Every structure is written in C-alpha cells, then in structure tokens.
Amino acid sequence: MPESVLTVLKFCFLALLYLFLWRVVRVVIGEMRTPEAPAEGSDARRERRTRRGVRLRILEPPAQQGELYSLGDELTVGRGGGCGIVIVDDHYVSTVHARLFRRGDEVLVEDLGSRNGTFLNGTPVAGATRLRRGDRVQFGQTVAEVVR
C-alpha cells in the first residue's frame, strides 16, 4: 500500500479517536453537573403544590444553613452531580450517600452503603427508617432537619 494512503488512514484514525474522547468528556461533565430546576410551567407549579409537605432544611455547615430541599417521590444525597441534594464541601459524604423516599404516606431515609454512615437523631441508620417532623438527619458532617 502506498505511504500516502497510510498517512491519510492515520489521520482519519486520529480524528475518530479525538472525536470519541471529546464525546466521553462531554458525557462525564454532563453527569457531574447539578440537575436543572424544573420549568416554571403550570405542571411544575402543580407538582410543587402537591409535594410541598416534606422538606429538608440544612442546619450545618453554616455556609449552607437555611437551604431548603423539597422531597418528591425520591431524593438522593451525596457529592455526585446526579444527586438531588449535592453536598460538595463535605468530604465525609459519599458520592451517592443516602436516599429519602416515600412509601405510602411515610417518608423514609436509607443509607446507600456510605463509608461514614447516615445518622437519624444521632443514631446510625441501619435500613429504611421513618422520618418525622423535627428529626435531624446527618450525612457526613452535614446536618439537616425534616420540616413539614
């Protein structure tokens, strides 16, 4: 095969390799970003009204104190960008640390195998544990209170 053909094939291969790497980087960056808030349409307002009942208010650290998060059907907590509550500054929080979810009328918290555990009112969460108003949930060094 002539050397000019081999050179063209090398450049084509390099171009495909760079295209592949560029796509991989875009997907990874997209996964790390915080999810966007829902649009302000009537469906979003209706959903917010129905699910307004249970919220989580951050108490510690002081930099995030007062932040409120509404619970839909399920909410994950962790350092990963795909979580509903992203806790970036707490290095004791796992990438996907815990989840809060509804089962009927109850709201439960479950540790997802985190290294440092999830605590409910100072007690380690062993399985799916029911949450009540005023309960304090600790993920790493971040403490949140259940508000209704």
N, C-alpha and C. Protein backbone atom coordinates (compact mmCIF):
# COMPACT_ATOMS: atom_id res chain seq x y z
N MET A 1 0.84 -1.17 0.00
CA MET A 1 0.00 0.00 0.00
C MET A 1 0.89 1.24 0.00
N PRO A 2 0.55 2.24 -0.81
CA PRO A 2 1.38 3.45 -0.87
C PRO A 2 1.39 4.16 0.49
N GLU A 3 2.49 4.83 0.74
CA GLU A 3 2.66 5.50 2.02
C GLU A 3 1.69 6.66 2.19
N SER A 4 1.27 7.32 1.14
CA SER A 4 0.32 8.43 1.23
C SER A 4 -1.05 7.94 1.73
N VAL A 5 -1.45 6.74 1.32
CA VAL A 5 -2.72 6.17 1.78
C VAL A 5 -2.63 5.85 3.28
N LEU A 6 -1.50 5.31 3.70
CA LEU A 6 -1.32 5.01 5.11
C LEU A 6 -1.35 6.28 5.96
N THR A 7 -0.78 7.34 5.47
CA THR A 7 -0.79 8.61 6.19
C THR A 7 -2.21 9.15 6.33
N VAL A 8 -2.99 9.07 5.27
CA VAL A 8 -4.39 9.51 5.32
C VAL A 8 -5.17 8.66 6.31
N LEU A 9 -4.95 7.37 6.33
CA LEU A 9 -5.63 6.48 7.27
C LEU A 9 -5.25 6.79 8.71
N LYS A 10 -3.97 7.14 8.93
CA LYS A 10 -3.53 7.51 10.27
C LYS A 10 -4.27 8.76 10.75
N PHE A 11 -4.40 9.76 9.88
CA PHE A 11 -5.10 10.99 10.25
C PHE A 11 -6.58 10.73 10.50
N CYS A 12 -7.19 9.88 9.71
CA CYS A 12 -8.60 9.52 9.92
C CYS A 12 -8.77 8.83 11.27
N PHE A 13 -7.86 7.91 11.57
CA PHE A 13 -7.92 7.21 12.86
C PHE A 13 -7.77 8.19 14.02
N LEU A 14 -6.82 9.12 13.92
CA LEU A 14 -6.62 10.12 14.97
C LEU A 14 -7.86 11.01 15.13
N ALA A 15 -8.46 11.39 14.02
CA ALA A 15 -9.66 12.22 14.08
C ALA A 15 -10.79 11.48 14.79
N LEU A 16 -10.98 10.20 14.47
CA LEU A 16 -12.02 9.41 15.14
C LEU A 16 -11.72 9.23 16.63
N LEU A 17 -10.46 9.05 16.96
CA LEU A 17 -10.07 8.90 18.36
C LEU A 17 -10.35 10.17 19.14
N TYR A 18 -10.00 11.33 18.60
CA TYR A 18 -10.28 12.60 19.26
C TYR A 18 -11.78 12.85 19.37
N LEU A 19 -12.54 12.50 18.36
CA LEU A 19 -14.00 12.65 18.40
C LEU A 19 -14.58 11.79 19.53
N PHE A 20 -14.11 10.57 19.64
CA PHE A 20 -14.58 9.67 20.69
C PHE A 20 -14.25 10.24 22.07
N LEU A 21 -13.02 10.70 22.29
CA LEU A 21 -12.64 11.27 23.57
C LEU A 21 -13.45 12.52 23.90
N TRP A 22 -13.70 13.35 22.92
CA TRP A 22 -14.49 14.56 23.12
C TRP A 22 -15.90 14.21 23.59
N ARG A 23 -16.51 13.18 22.98
CA ARG A 23 -17.85 12.75 23.38
C ARG A 23 -17.84 12.19 24.79
N VAL A 24 -16.83 11.43 25.16
CA VAL A 24 -16.74 10.87 26.51
C VAL A 24 -16.64 11.99 27.54
N VAL A 25 -15.81 12.97 27.29
CA VAL A 25 -15.65 14.09 28.21
C VAL A 25 -16.97 14.85 28.36
N ARG A 26 -17.70 15.07 27.28
CA ARG A 26 -18.99 15.75 27.35
C ARG A 26 -19.98 14.99 28.21
N VAL A 27 -20.03 13.67 28.08
CA VAL A 27 -20.95 12.86 28.87
C VAL A 27 -20.58 12.92 30.35
N VAL A 28 -19.30 12.81 30.65
CA VAL A 28 -18.85 12.84 32.04
C VAL A 28 -19.16 14.19 32.68
N ILE A 29 -18.90 15.27 31.99
CA ILE A 29 -19.20 16.60 32.52
C ILE A 29 -20.70 16.77 32.72
N GLY A 30 -21.50 16.27 31.80
CA GLY A 30 -22.95 16.33 31.94
C GLY A 30 -23.45 15.56 33.16
N GLU A 31 -22.83 14.44 33.47
CA GLU A 31 -23.21 13.64 34.64
C GLU A 31 -22.82 14.31 35.94
N MET A 32 -21.76 15.11 35.92
CA MET A 32 -21.28 15.74 37.14
C MET A 32 -22.02 17.01 37.48
N ARG A 33 -22.72 17.60 36.55
CA ARG A 33 -23.44 18.84 36.80
C ARG A 33 -24.66 18.60 37.67
N THR A 34 -25.05 19.63 38.41
CA THR A 34 -26.26 19.58 39.21
C THR A 34 -27.46 19.61 38.28
N PRO A 35 -28.50 18.80 38.55
CA PRO A 35 -29.67 18.81 37.68
C PRO A 35 -30.33 20.18 37.66
N GLU A 36 -30.87 20.53 36.50
CA GLU A 36 -31.52 21.82 36.35
C GLU A 36 -32.88 21.79 37.03
N ALA A 37 -33.31 22.97 37.50
CA ALA A 37 -34.63 23.09 38.13
C ALA A 37 -35.71 22.91 37.07
N PRO A 38 -36.90 22.39 37.47
CA PRO A 38 -37.96 22.22 36.50
C PRO A 38 -38.45 23.56 35.97
N ALA A 39 -39.00 23.52 34.78
CA ALA A 39 -39.52 24.73 34.16
C ALA A 39 -40.65 25.29 35.00
N GLU A 40 -40.92 26.59 34.88
CA GLU A 40 -41.94 27.25 35.68
C GLU A 40 -43.32 27.16 35.05
N GLY A 41 -43.62 26.07 34.38
CA GLY A 41 -44.93 25.88 33.78
C GLY A 41 -45.95 25.48 34.83
N SER A 42 -47.21 25.35 34.41
CA SER A 42 -48.28 25.01 35.34
C SER A 42 -48.09 23.62 35.93
N ASP A 43 -47.54 22.67 35.16
CA ASP A 43 -47.30 21.32 35.68
C ASP A 43 -46.29 21.35 36.82
N ALA A 44 -45.25 22.15 36.68
CA ALA A 44 -44.23 22.25 37.72
C ALA A 44 -44.83 22.87 38.98
N ARG A 45 -45.67 23.90 38.82
CA ARG A 45 -46.30 24.53 39.98
C ARG A 45 -47.26 23.57 40.67
N ARG A 46 -48.00 22.82 39.90
CA ARG A 46 -48.94 21.86 40.47
C ARG A 46 -48.18 20.79 41.25
N GLU A 47 -47.07 20.28 40.68
CA GLU A 47 -46.25 19.27 41.35
C GLU A 47 -45.68 19.83 42.65
N ARG A 48 -45.23 21.09 42.62
CA ARG A 48 -44.66 21.70 43.81
C ARG A 48 -45.72 21.82 44.91
N ARG A 49 -46.95 22.18 44.53
CA ARG A 49 -48.02 22.34 45.50
C ARG A 49 -48.36 21.01 46.17
N THR A 50 -48.41 19.93 45.39
CA THR A 50 -48.78 18.63 45.94
C THR A 50 -47.68 18.06 46.81
N ARG A 51 -46.44 18.28 46.50
CA ARG A 51 -45.33 17.68 47.22
C ARG A 51 -44.68 18.63 48.21
N ARG A 52 -45.30 19.76 48.49
CA ARG A 52 -44.70 20.75 49.35
C ARG A 52 -44.60 20.26 50.80
N GLY A 53 -45.34 19.21 51.15
CA GLY A 53 -45.44 18.73 52.52
C GLY A 53 -44.12 18.50 53.23
N VAL A 54 -43.20 17.75 52.67
CA VAL A 54 -41.97 17.39 53.38
C VAL A 54 -40.78 18.06 52.72
N ARG A 55 -40.01 18.76 53.55
CA ARG A 55 -38.80 19.41 53.07
C ARG A 55 -37.66 19.15 54.04
N LEU A 56 -36.47 19.34 53.57
CA LEU A 56 -35.27 19.17 54.37
C LEU A 56 -34.57 20.52 54.43
N ARG A 57 -34.29 21.00 55.66
CA ARG A 57 -33.60 22.28 55.83
C ARG A 57 -32.21 22.00 56.39
N ILE A 58 -31.19 22.54 55.73
CA ILE A 58 -29.81 22.35 56.17
C ILE A 58 -29.55 23.21 57.40
N LEU A 59 -29.01 22.59 58.45
CA LEU A 59 -28.67 23.30 59.69
C LEU A 59 -27.17 23.55 59.79
N GLU A 60 -26.37 22.59 59.38
CA GLU A 60 -24.91 22.70 59.39
C GLU A 60 -24.38 22.16 58.09
N PRO A 61 -23.37 22.68 57.54
CA PRO A 61 -22.45 23.72 57.97
C PRO A 61 -23.07 25.11 57.80
N PRO A 62 -22.53 26.10 58.50
CA PRO A 62 -23.08 27.46 58.43
C PRO A 62 -23.16 28.03 57.01
N ALA A 63 -22.26 27.61 56.13
CA ALA A 63 -22.26 28.14 54.75
C ALA A 63 -23.53 27.75 54.00
N GLN A 64 -24.15 26.62 54.35
CA GLN A 64 -25.36 26.16 53.67
C GLN A 64 -26.60 26.27 54.55
N GLN A 65 -26.46 26.80 55.72
CA GLN A 65 -27.55 26.87 56.68
C GLN A 65 -28.77 27.57 56.10
N GLY A 66 -29.93 26.95 56.27
CA GLY A 66 -31.18 27.53 55.79
C GLY A 66 -31.63 27.07 54.42
N GLU A 67 -30.78 26.39 53.67
CA GLU A 67 -31.18 25.89 52.35
C GLU A 67 -32.29 24.86 52.52
N LEU A 68 -33.33 24.96 51.67
CA LEU A 68 -34.48 24.05 51.73
C LEU A 68 -34.53 23.18 50.49
N TYR A 69 -34.85 21.90 50.68
CA TYR A 69 -34.99 20.96 49.58
C TYR A 69 -36.32 20.24 49.74
N SER A 70 -37.16 20.30 48.71
CA SER A 70 -38.44 19.61 48.73
C SER A 70 -38.25 18.16 48.33
N LEU A 71 -39.02 17.29 48.96
CA LEU A 71 -38.95 15.87 48.66
C LEU A 71 -40.07 15.51 47.71
N GLY A 72 -39.71 14.98 46.55
CA GLY A 72 -40.70 14.44 45.63
C GLY A 72 -40.96 13.00 46.01
N ASP A 73 -40.89 12.10 45.06
CA ASP A 73 -41.03 10.67 45.37
C ASP A 73 -39.74 10.10 45.91
N GLU A 74 -38.60 10.62 45.42
CA GLU A 74 -37.30 10.14 45.88
C GLU A 74 -36.27 11.24 45.71
N LEU A 75 -35.36 11.32 46.66
CA LEU A 75 -34.32 12.34 46.63
C LEU A 75 -33.04 11.71 47.13
N THR A 76 -31.96 11.80 46.34
CA THR A 76 -30.69 11.26 46.77
C THR A 76 -29.80 12.38 47.29
N VAL A 77 -28.91 12.01 48.21
CA VAL A 77 -28.00 12.97 48.83
C VAL A 77 -26.58 12.46 48.63
N GLY A 78 -25.68 13.35 48.20
CA GLY A 78 -24.29 12.95 48.03
C GLY A 78 -23.47 14.03 47.37
N ARG A 79 -22.22 13.71 47.08
CA ARG A 79 -21.33 14.65 46.40
C ARG A 79 -21.48 14.62 44.89
N GLY A 80 -22.08 13.56 44.35
CA GLY A 80 -22.21 13.41 42.90
C GLY A 80 -23.20 14.39 42.30
N GLY A 81 -22.91 14.81 41.09
CA GLY A 81 -23.75 15.79 40.40
C GLY A 81 -25.15 15.31 40.10
N GLY A 82 -25.39 14.02 40.05
CA GLY A 82 -26.72 13.50 39.77
C GLY A 82 -27.63 13.43 40.98
N CYS A 83 -27.14 13.78 42.15
CA CYS A 83 -27.95 13.73 43.37
C CYS A 83 -28.89 14.93 43.44
N GLY A 84 -30.02 14.73 44.12
CA GLY A 84 -30.98 15.82 44.31
C GLY A 84 -30.45 16.88 45.26
N ILE A 85 -29.72 16.44 46.28
CA ILE A 85 -29.03 17.36 47.20
C ILE A 85 -27.54 17.10 47.03
N VAL A 86 -26.86 18.05 46.44
CA VAL A 86 -25.42 17.91 46.20
C VAL A 86 -24.67 18.63 47.31
N ILE A 87 -23.87 17.86 48.06
CA ILE A 87 -23.07 18.41 49.15
C ILE A 87 -21.61 18.32 48.72
N VAL A 88 -21.09 19.40 48.21
CA VAL A 88 -19.76 19.40 47.60
C VAL A 88 -18.65 19.54 48.63
N ASP A 89 -18.84 20.39 49.63
CA ASP A 89 -17.75 20.76 50.54
C ASP A 89 -17.51 19.77 51.67
N ASP A 90 -18.38 18.78 51.86
CA ASP A 90 -18.25 17.83 52.96
C ASP A 90 -17.58 16.56 52.44
N HIS A 91 -16.31 16.36 52.82
CA HIS A 91 -15.55 15.22 52.32
C HIS A 91 -15.89 13.92 53.03
N TYR A 92 -16.76 13.97 54.03
CA TYR A 92 -17.23 12.77 54.71
C TYR A 92 -18.49 12.20 54.06
N VAL A 93 -19.00 12.91 53.07
CA VAL A 93 -20.19 12.46 52.33
C VAL A 93 -19.74 11.68 51.12
N SER A 94 -20.36 10.53 50.88
CA SER A 94 -20.03 9.69 49.72
C SER A 94 -20.62 10.29 48.45
N THR A 95 -20.21 9.76 47.31
CA THR A 95 -20.72 10.25 46.03
C THR A 95 -22.24 10.14 45.97
N VAL A 96 -22.78 8.99 46.32
CA VAL A 96 -24.22 8.81 46.50
C VAL A 96 -24.36 8.24 47.91
N HIS A 97 -24.69 9.08 48.86
CA HIS A 97 -24.60 8.77 50.28
C HIS A 97 -25.87 8.10 50.83
N ALA A 98 -27.02 8.73 50.57
CA ALA A 98 -28.28 8.24 51.14
C ALA A 98 -29.43 8.64 50.22
N ARG A 99 -30.59 8.08 50.51
CA ARG A 99 -31.78 8.49 49.76
C ARG A 99 -32.94 8.67 50.71
N LEU A 100 -33.79 9.63 50.37
CA LEU A 100 -35.04 9.85 51.08
C LEU A 100 -36.13 9.51 50.08
N PHE A 101 -37.13 8.78 50.52
CA PHE A 101 -38.18 8.37 49.58
C PHE A 101 -39.50 8.20 50.30
N ARG A 102 -40.56 8.16 49.51
CA ARG A 102 -41.92 7.97 50.04
C ARG A 102 -42.34 6.52 49.88
N ARG A 103 -43.02 6.04 50.88
CA ARG A 103 -43.67 4.73 50.80
C ARG A 103 -45.05 4.95 51.40
N GLY A 104 -46.05 5.10 50.53
CA GLY A 104 -47.39 5.46 51.00
C GLY A 104 -47.35 6.88 51.53
N ASP A 105 -47.81 7.07 52.77
CA ASP A 105 -47.80 8.39 53.40
C ASP A 105 -46.55 8.64 54.21
N GLU A 106 -45.69 7.63 54.33
CA GLU A 106 -44.49 7.76 55.13
C GLU A 106 -43.32 8.26 54.28
N VAL A 107 -42.41 8.96 54.94
CA VAL A 107 -41.15 9.37 54.32
C VAL A 107 -40.04 8.63 55.06
N LEU A 108 -39.17 7.99 54.29
CA LEU A 108 -38.10 7.19 54.89
C LEU A 108 -36.74 7.65 54.40
N VAL A 109 -35.72 7.36 55.21
CA VAL A 109 -34.33 7.63 54.84
C VAL A 109 -33.60 6.30 54.86
N GLU A 110 -32.67 6.14 53.92
CA GLU A 110 -31.91 4.90 53.80
C GLU A 110 -30.48 5.23 53.43
N ASP A 111 -29.53 4.66 54.17
CA ASP A 111 -28.12 4.83 53.84
C ASP A 111 -27.81 3.92 52.65
N LEU A 112 -27.06 4.42 51.69
CA LEU A 112 -26.75 3.66 50.48
C LEU A 112 -25.33 3.10 50.52
N GLY A 113 -24.95 2.56 51.67
CA GLY A 113 -23.63 1.96 51.79
C GLY A 113 -22.52 2.98 51.89
N SER A 114 -22.81 4.13 52.46
CA SER A 114 -21.79 5.17 52.57
C SER A 114 -20.72 4.75 53.57
N ARG A 115 -19.56 5.31 53.39
CA ARG A 115 -18.42 4.93 54.24
C ARG A 115 -18.59 5.42 55.68
N ASN A 116 -19.13 6.63 55.86
CA ASN A 116 -19.25 7.22 57.20
C ASN A 116 -20.64 7.12 57.79
N GLY A 117 -21.58 6.56 57.06
CA GLY A 117 -22.91 6.32 57.59
C GLY A 117 -23.82 7.54 57.56
N THR A 118 -25.10 7.26 57.77
CA THR A 118 -26.14 8.27 57.88
C THR A 118 -26.73 8.13 59.27
N PHE A 119 -26.99 9.25 59.93
CA PHE A 119 -27.49 9.21 61.30
C PHE A 119 -28.84 9.92 61.39
N LEU A 120 -29.75 9.35 62.15
CA LEU A 120 -31.05 9.95 62.40
C LEU A 120 -31.13 10.23 63.89
N ASN A 121 -31.15 11.50 64.27
CA ASN A 121 -31.16 11.93 65.66
C ASN A 121 -30.01 11.30 66.44
N GLY A 122 -28.84 11.21 65.82
CA GLY A 122 -27.65 10.69 66.47
C GLY A 122 -27.48 9.18 66.42
N THR A 123 -28.48 8.46 65.89
CA THR A 123 -28.43 7.00 65.81
C THR A 123 -28.15 6.58 64.37
N PRO A 124 -27.22 5.65 64.16
CA PRO A 124 -26.94 5.20 62.78
C PRO A 124 -28.18 4.58 62.13
N VAL A 125 -28.37 4.89 60.86
CA VAL A 125 -29.49 4.34 60.09
C VAL A 125 -29.05 2.99 59.54
N ALA A 126 -29.77 1.93 59.95
CA ALA A 126 -29.41 0.57 59.52
C ALA A 126 -30.14 0.16 58.25
N GLY A 127 -31.39 0.50 58.12
CA GLY A 127 -32.19 0.17 56.93
C GLY A 127 -33.06 1.37 56.62
N ALA A 128 -34.15 1.13 55.92
CA ALA A 128 -35.10 2.22 55.65
C ALA A 128 -35.76 2.61 56.97
N THR A 129 -35.59 3.87 57.37
CA THR A 129 -36.07 4.35 58.66
C THR A 129 -37.01 5.53 58.45
N ARG A 130 -38.13 5.51 59.17
CA ARG A 130 -39.16 6.54 59.02
C ARG A 130 -38.69 7.89 59.56
N LEU A 131 -39.05 8.95 58.83
CA LEU A 131 -38.73 10.32 59.25
C LEU A 131 -39.99 11.00 59.76
N ARG A 132 -39.82 11.82 60.78
CA ARG A 132 -40.92 12.63 61.32
C ARG A 132 -40.48 14.09 61.36
N ARG A 133 -41.45 14.98 61.50
CA ARG A 133 -41.13 16.40 61.57
C ARG A 133 -40.22 16.66 62.77
N GLY A 134 -39.17 17.43 62.55
CA GLY A 134 -38.23 17.77 63.60
C GLY A 134 -37.04 16.83 63.70
N ASP A 135 -37.09 15.69 63.00
CA ASP A 135 -35.96 14.77 63.02
C ASP A 135 -34.74 15.43 62.40
N ARG A 136 -33.57 15.08 62.92
CA ARG A 136 -32.31 15.58 62.36
C ARG A 136 -31.57 14.44 61.70
N VAL A 137 -31.25 14.64 60.43
CA VAL A 137 -30.54 13.63 59.64
C VAL A 137 -29.15 14.16 59.36
N GLN A 138 -28.14 13.30 59.60
CA GLN A 138 -26.76 13.72 59.39
C GLN A 138 -26.12 12.88 58.30
N PHE A 139 -25.60 13.57 57.28
CA PHE A 139 -24.85 12.96 56.19
C PHE A 139 -23.43 13.48 56.30
N GLY A 140 -22.48 12.68 56.73
CA GLY A 140 -21.12 13.17 56.96
C GLY A 140 -21.14 14.19 58.07
N GLN A 141 -20.71 15.42 57.80
CA GLN A 141 -20.76 16.49 58.78
C GLN A 141 -21.92 17.45 58.51
N THR A 142 -22.72 17.15 57.52
CA THR A 142 -23.87 17.99 57.16
C THR A 142 -25.09 17.51 57.92
N VAL A 143 -25.77 18.42 58.60
CA VAL A 143 -26.95 18.10 59.39
C VAL A 143 -28.15 18.82 58.78
N ALA A 144 -29.25 18.08 58.61
CA ALA A 144 -30.48 18.65 58.06
C ALA A 144 -31.64 18.29 58.97
N GLU A 145 -32.67 19.13 58.96
CA GLU A 145 -33.86 18.91 59.77
C GLU A 145 -35.06 18.68 58.85
N VAL A 146 -35.93 17.76 59.25
CA VAL A 146 -37.14 17.47 58.48
C VAL A 146 -38.19 18.52 58.85
N VAL A 147 -38.71 19.21 57.82
CA VAL A 147 -39.70 20.26 58.00
C VAL A 147 -40.93 19.87 57.20
N ARG A 148 -42.10 20.09 57.75
CA ARG A 148 -43.34 19.80 57.00
C ARG A 148 -44.11 21.07 56.77
